[in-house]
Amino acid sequence: IRMTFMENGIIILLQEKDRVIKLRALRRITRKIGDTLHKAASWKQDEVIKVLNPIITGWTNYHRHIASKNTFNRLDFIKWSQLWRWAKRRHSEKGYHWISGRYWSKKGSRKWVFCTEQQILKNNSQHKYKGPKFFKKGGETECFNIDVLGIINDEDIV
């Protein structure tokens, strides 16, 4: 819980929505991707991308209003680690440079993109938050992932 003081003496209690995401939801998506990659031991890279993209998009769309950028970046790292283990398991005799050159390439400003010529694996961190905006002084807007728990006036404080 975070307290924000307003100019007119009102205190707003805020709770960050990122903490609302239970660890179970993170474990569930991680396990689901891991189980899919375990089943996909002999699949081609196109087939893996085709199966993983709807899973990633669905989870991200469901949690995009309450998850922070840090949560999505963490999931991207976990997903990268799982994909690396999948590729290393498929080609256990090959070296790191060969595996990275075979499955990952550079697309635009991103250096490690799991892709083929036809498909690109989506990232959780590519999705943008499209929620309500709070206006700041000076006309700048900033998005916050917050819940308002209550408003306290100065008279309520003893």
C-alpha atoms as a PDB file:
ATOM      1  CA  ILE A   1       0.000   0.000   0.000  1.00  0.00           C
ATOM      2  CA  ARG A   2       1.303   3.411  -0.957  1.00  0.00           C
ATOM      3  CA  MET A   3       0.066   6.777   0.326  1.00  0.00           C
ATOM      4  CA  THR A   4      -0.121   9.779  -1.986  1.00  0.00           C
ATOM      5  CA  PHE A   5      -0.616  13.280  -0.572  1.00  0.00           C
ATOM      6  CA  MET A   6      -2.647  15.763  -2.634  1.00  0.00           C
ATOM      7  CA  GLU A   7      -2.343  19.557  -2.454  1.00  0.00           C
ATOM      8  CA  ASN A   8      -5.767  20.008  -0.832  1.00  0.00           C
ATOM      9  CA  GLY A   9      -4.899  17.823   2.161  1.00  0.00           C
ATOM     10  CA  ILE A  10      -6.428  14.590   0.850  1.00  0.00           C
ATOM     11  CA  ILE A  11      -4.459  11.392   1.250  1.00  0.00           C
ATOM     12  CA  ILE A  12      -5.104   8.629  -1.268  1.00  0.00           C
ATOM     13  CA  LEU A  13      -4.247   5.044  -0.369  1.00  0.00           C
ATOM     14  CA  LEU A  14      -3.046   3.113  -3.396  1.00  0.00           C
ATOM     15  CA  GLN A  15      -2.288  -0.545  -3.944  1.00  0.00           C
ATOM     16  CA  GLU A  16      -0.188  -1.551  -6.905  1.00  0.00           C
ATOM     17  CA  LYS A  17      -2.085  -3.983  -9.119  1.00  0.00           C
ATOM     18  CA  ASP A  18       1.075  -5.910  -9.997  1.00  0.00           C
ATOM     19  CA  ARG A  19       0.951  -7.519  -6.568  1.00  0.00           C
ATOM     20  CA  VAL A  20      -2.551  -8.770  -7.315  1.00  0.00           C
ATOM     21  CA  ILE A  21      -1.140 -11.264  -9.800  1.00  0.00           C
ATOM     22  CA  LYS A  22      -0.638 -14.353  -7.763  1.00  0.00           C
ATOM     23  CA  LEU A  23       2.535 -16.308  -8.028  1.00  0.00           C
ATOM     24  CA  ARG A  24       0.287 -19.181  -9.101  1.00  0.00           C
ATOM     25  CA  ALA A  25      -0.580 -17.391 -12.369  1.00  0.00           C
ATOM     26  CA  LEU A  26       3.114 -16.947 -13.180  1.00  0.00           C
ATOM     27  CA  ARG A  27       3.857 -20.552 -12.302  1.00  0.00           C
ATOM     28  CA  ARG A  28       0.892 -21.771 -14.356  1.00  0.00           C
ATOM     29  CA  ILE A  29       1.964 -20.002 -17.569  1.00  0.00           C
ATOM     30  CA  THR A  30       5.579 -21.034 -17.030  1.00  0.00           C
ATOM     31  CA  ARG A  31       4.522 -24.653 -16.520  1.00  0.00           C
ATOM     32  CA  LYS A  32       2.206 -24.540 -19.533  1.00  0.00           C
ATOM     33  CA  ILE A  33       4.975 -23.260 -21.820  1.00  0.00           C
ATOM     34  CA  GLY A  34       7.412 -25.787 -20.333  1.00  0.00           C
ATOM     35  CA  ASP A  35       4.993 -28.692 -20.853  1.00  0.00           C
ATOM     36  CA  THR A  36       4.355 -27.575 -24.422  1.00  0.00           C
ATOM     37  CA  LEU A  37       8.093 -27.437 -25.138  1.00  0.00           C
ATOM     38  CA  HIS A  38       8.575 -30.849 -23.532  1.00  0.00           C
ATOM     39  CA  LYS A  39       5.928 -32.319 -25.861  1.00  0.00           C
ATOM     40  CA  ALA A  40       7.546 -30.463 -28.768  1.00  0.00           C
ATOM     41  CA  ALA A  41      10.898 -32.205 -28.503  1.00  0.00           C
ATOM     42  CA  SER A  42      10.750 -33.331 -32.124  1.00  0.00           C
ATOM     43  CA  TRP A  43       8.676 -30.495 -33.578  1.00  0.00           C
ATOM     44  CA  LYS A  44      10.050 -28.016 -36.073  1.00  0.00           C
ATOM     45  CA  GLN A  45      10.551 -24.424 -34.986  1.00  0.00           C
ATOM     46  CA  ASP A  46       7.527 -23.223 -37.024  1.00  0.00           C
ATOM     47  CA  GLU A  47       5.251 -25.661 -35.202  1.00  0.00           C
ATOM     48  CA  VAL A  48       6.554 -24.553 -31.797  1.00  0.00           C
ATOM     49  CA  ILE A  49       5.948 -20.885 -32.635  1.00  0.00           C
ATOM     50  CA  LYS A  50       2.469 -21.670 -33.993  1.00  0.00           C
ATOM     51  CA  VAL A  51       1.490 -23.388 -30.718  1.00  0.00           C
ATOM     52  CA  LEU A  52       3.157 -20.931 -28.311  1.00  0.00           C
ATOM     53  CA  ASN A  53       1.905 -17.655 -29.853  1.00  0.00           C
ATOM     54  CA  PRO A  54      -1.784 -18.145 -28.884  1.00  0.00           C
ATOM     55  CA  ILE A  55      -0.755 -19.180 -25.350  1.00  0.00           C
ATOM     56  CA  ILE A  56       1.416 -16.087 -24.913  1.00  0.00           C
ATOM     57  CA  THR A  57      -1.120 -13.720 -26.480  1.00  0.00           C
ATOM     58  CA  GLY A  58      -4.006 -15.085 -24.412  1.00  0.00           C
ATOM     59  CA  TRP A  59      -2.167 -14.868 -21.088  1.00  0.00           C
ATOM     60  CA  THR A  60      -0.824 -11.405 -21.856  1.00  0.00           C
ATOM     61  CA  ASN A  61      -4.210 -10.046 -22.934  1.00  0.00           C
ATOM     62  CA  TYR A  62      -5.833 -11.440 -19.797  1.00  0.00           C
ATOM     63  CA  HIS A  63      -3.210  -9.995 -17.423  1.00  0.00           C
ATOM     64  CA  ARG A  64      -2.217  -6.803 -19.273  1.00  0.00           C
ATOM     65  CA  HIS A  65      -4.379  -4.541 -17.092  1.00  0.00           C
ATOM     66  CA  ILE A  66      -2.875  -5.672 -13.811  1.00  0.00           C
ATOM     67  CA  ALA A  67       0.670  -6.734 -14.706  1.00  0.00           C
ATOM     68  CA  SER A  68       3.626  -4.406 -14.887  1.00  0.00           C
ATOM     69  CA  LYS A  69       6.374  -4.169 -17.456  1.00  0.00           C
ATOM     70  CA  ASN A  70       8.717  -5.922 -15.020  1.00  0.00           C
ATOM     71  CA  THR A  71       6.377  -8.929 -14.838  1.00  0.00           C
ATOM     72  CA  PHE A  72       6.244  -9.224 -18.626  1.00  0.00           C
ATOM     73  CA  ASN A  73      10.031  -8.808 -18.925  1.00  0.00           C
ATOM     74  CA  ARG A  74      10.505 -11.536 -16.319  1.00  0.00           C
ATOM     75  CA  LEU A  75       8.213 -13.856 -18.275  1.00  0.00           C
ATOM     76  CA  ASP A  76      10.141 -13.092 -21.461  1.00  0.00           C
ATOM     77  CA  PHE A  77      13.365 -14.133 -19.715  1.00  0.00           C
ATOM     78  CA  ILE A  78      11.797 -17.334 -18.356  1.00  0.00           C
ATOM     79  CA  LYS A  79      10.426 -18.140 -21.809  1.00  0.00           C
ATOM     80  CA  TRP A  80      13.849 -17.502 -23.381  1.00  0.00           C
ATOM     81  CA  SER A  81      15.465 -19.880 -20.867  1.00  0.00           C
ATOM     82  CA  GLN A  82      12.915 -22.579 -21.640  1.00  0.00           C
ATOM     83  CA  LEU A  83      13.398 -22.155 -25.385  1.00  0.00           C
ATOM     84  CA  TRP A  84      17.169 -22.317 -24.958  1.00  0.00           C
ATOM     85  CA  ARG A  85      16.836 -25.607 -23.041  1.00  0.00           C
ATOM     86  CA  TRP A  86      14.499 -26.919 -25.760  1.00  0.00           C
ATOM     87  CA  ALA A  87      17.030 -26.031 -28.494  1.00  0.00           C
ATOM     88  CA  LYS A  88      19.954 -27.410 -26.470  1.00  0.00           C
ATOM     89  CA  ARG A  89      18.041 -30.668 -25.881  1.00  0.00           C
ATOM     90  CA  ARG A  90      17.368 -30.995 -29.606  1.00  0.00           C
ATOM     91  CA  HIS A  91      21.001 -30.397 -30.558  1.00  0.00           C
ATOM     92  CA  SER A  92      22.999 -31.586 -27.571  1.00  0.00           C
ATOM     93  CA  GLU A  93      26.110 -32.159 -29.683  1.00  0.00           C
ATOM     94  CA  LYS A  94      26.171 -28.626 -31.132  1.00  0.00           C
ATOM     95  CA  GLY A  95      27.750 -25.515 -29.636  1.00  0.00           C
ATOM     96  CA  TYR A  96      26.173 -22.318 -28.377  1.00  0.00           C
ATOM     97  CA  HIS A  97      27.008 -20.279 -31.481  1.00  0.00           C
ATOM     98  CA  TRP A  98      25.441 -22.835 -33.805  1.00  0.00           C
ATOM     99  CA  ILE A  99      22.255 -23.083 -31.704  1.00  0.00           C
ATOM    100  CA  SER A 100      21.842 -19.328 -31.386  1.00  0.00           C
ATOM    101  CA  GLY A 101      22.422 -18.867 -35.122  1.00  0.00           C
ATOM    102  CA  ARG A 102      19.949 -21.617 -35.976  1.00  0.00           C
ATOM    103  CA  TYR A 103      17.000 -20.492 -33.832  1.00  0.00           C
ATOM    104  CA  TRP A 104      17.539 -16.829 -32.951  1.00  0.00           C
ATOM    105  CA  SER A 105      18.173 -13.867 -35.211  1.00  0.00           C
ATOM    106  CA  LYS A 106      18.061 -10.079 -35.174  1.00  0.00           C
ATOM    107  CA  LYS A 107      14.801  -8.330 -36.158  1.00  0.00           C
ATOM    108  CA  GLY A 108      14.780  -4.544 -36.046  1.00  0.00           C
ATOM    109  CA  SER A 109      16.131  -3.343 -32.712  1.00  0.00           C
ATOM    110  CA  ARG A 110      15.679  -6.744 -31.036  1.00  0.00           C
ATOM    111  CA  LYS A 111      18.759  -8.957 -31.099  1.00  0.00           C
ATOM    112  CA  TRP A 112      17.506 -12.309 -29.791  1.00  0.00           C
ATOM    113  CA  VAL A 113      14.287 -13.092 -31.667  1.00  0.00           C
ATOM    114  CA  PHE A 114      13.099 -16.698 -31.774  1.00  0.00           C
ATOM    115  CA  CYS A 115      11.865 -16.810 -35.351  1.00  0.00           C
ATOM    116  CA  THR A 116      11.864 -18.449 -38.732  1.00  0.00           C
ATOM    117  CA  GLU A 117      11.444 -16.821 -42.113  1.00  0.00           C
ATOM    118  CA  GLN A 118       7.649 -17.176 -41.832  1.00  0.00           C
ATOM    119  CA  GLN A 119       6.914 -16.644 -38.122  1.00  0.00           C
ATOM    120  CA  ILE A 120       8.111 -14.706 -35.092  1.00  0.00           C
ATOM    121  CA  LEU A 121       7.481 -15.746 -31.484  1.00  0.00           C
ATOM    122  CA  LYS A 122       5.671 -12.945 -29.649  1.00  0.00           C
ATOM    123  CA  ASN A 123       7.029 -11.361 -26.509  1.00  0.00           C
ATOM    124  CA  ASN A 124       4.959 -10.571 -23.443  1.00  0.00           C
ATOM    125  CA  SER A 125       6.647  -7.182 -23.139  1.00  0.00           C
ATOM    126  CA  GLN A 126       5.530  -6.114 -26.645  1.00  0.00           C
ATOM    127  CA  HIS A 127       1.946  -5.620 -25.482  1.00  0.00           C
ATOM    128  CA  LYS A 128       1.099  -2.085 -24.392  1.00  0.00           C
ATOM    129  CA  TYR A 129      -1.090  -1.079 -21.473  1.00  0.00           C
ATOM    130  CA  LYS A 130      -4.315   0.464 -22.778  1.00  0.00           C
ATOM    131  CA  GLY A 131      -6.073   1.569 -19.624  1.00  0.00           C
ATOM    132  CA  PRO A 132      -7.289   4.855 -18.171  1.00  0.00           C
ATOM    133  CA  LYS A 133      -4.859   7.746 -18.159  1.00  0.00           C
ATOM    134  CA  PHE A 134      -4.318  10.206 -15.350  1.00  0.00           C
ATOM    135  CA  PHE A 135      -3.344  13.729 -16.369  1.00  0.00           C
ATOM    136  CA  LYS A 136      -0.434  15.480 -14.725  1.00  0.00           C
ATOM    137  CA  LYS A 137       0.313  19.174 -14.584  1.00  0.00           C
ATOM    138  CA  GLY A 138       1.754  20.483 -17.828  1.00  0.00           C
ATOM    139  CA  GLY A 139      -0.445  18.343 -20.055  1.00  0.00           C
ATOM    140  CA  GLU A 140       1.708  15.204 -19.866  1.00  0.00           C
ATOM    141  CA  THR A 141      -0.117  11.930 -19.416  1.00  0.00           C
ATOM    142  CA  GLU A 142       1.122   8.927 -17.532  1.00  0.00           C
ATOM    143  CA  CYS A 143      -0.486   5.501 -17.093  1.00  0.00           C
ATOM    144  CA  PHE A 144      -0.569   3.915 -13.658  1.00  0.00           C
ATOM    145  CA  ASN A 145      -1.456   0.336 -12.755  1.00  0.00           C
ATOM    146  CA  ILE A 146      -3.139   1.121  -9.437  1.00  0.00           C
ATOM    147  CA  ASP A 147      -6.249   0.453  -7.390  1.00  0.00           C
ATOM    148  CA  VAL A 148      -7.670   3.199  -5.194  1.00  0.00           C
ATOM    149  CA  LEU A 149      -8.411   1.590  -1.822  1.00  0.00           C
ATOM    150  CA  GLY A 150      -9.792   4.681  -0.155  1.00  0.00           C
ATOM    151  CA  ILE A 151      -9.530   8.420   0.298  1.00  0.00           C
ATOM    152  CA  ILE A 152      -8.706   9.962   3.681  1.00  0.00           C
ATOM    153  CA  ASN A 153      -9.223  13.630   4.550  1.00  0.00           C
ATOM    154  CA  ASP A 154      -7.091  15.477   7.112  1.00  0.00           C
ATOM    155  CA  GLU A 155     -10.053  15.423   9.507  1.00  0.00           C
ATOM    156  CA  ASP A 156     -10.030  11.579   9.515  1.00  0.00           C
ATOM    157  CA  ILE A 157      -6.452  11.419  10.816  1.00  0.00           C
ATOM    158  CA  VAL A 158      -6.206  11.451  14.622  1.00  0.00           C
END
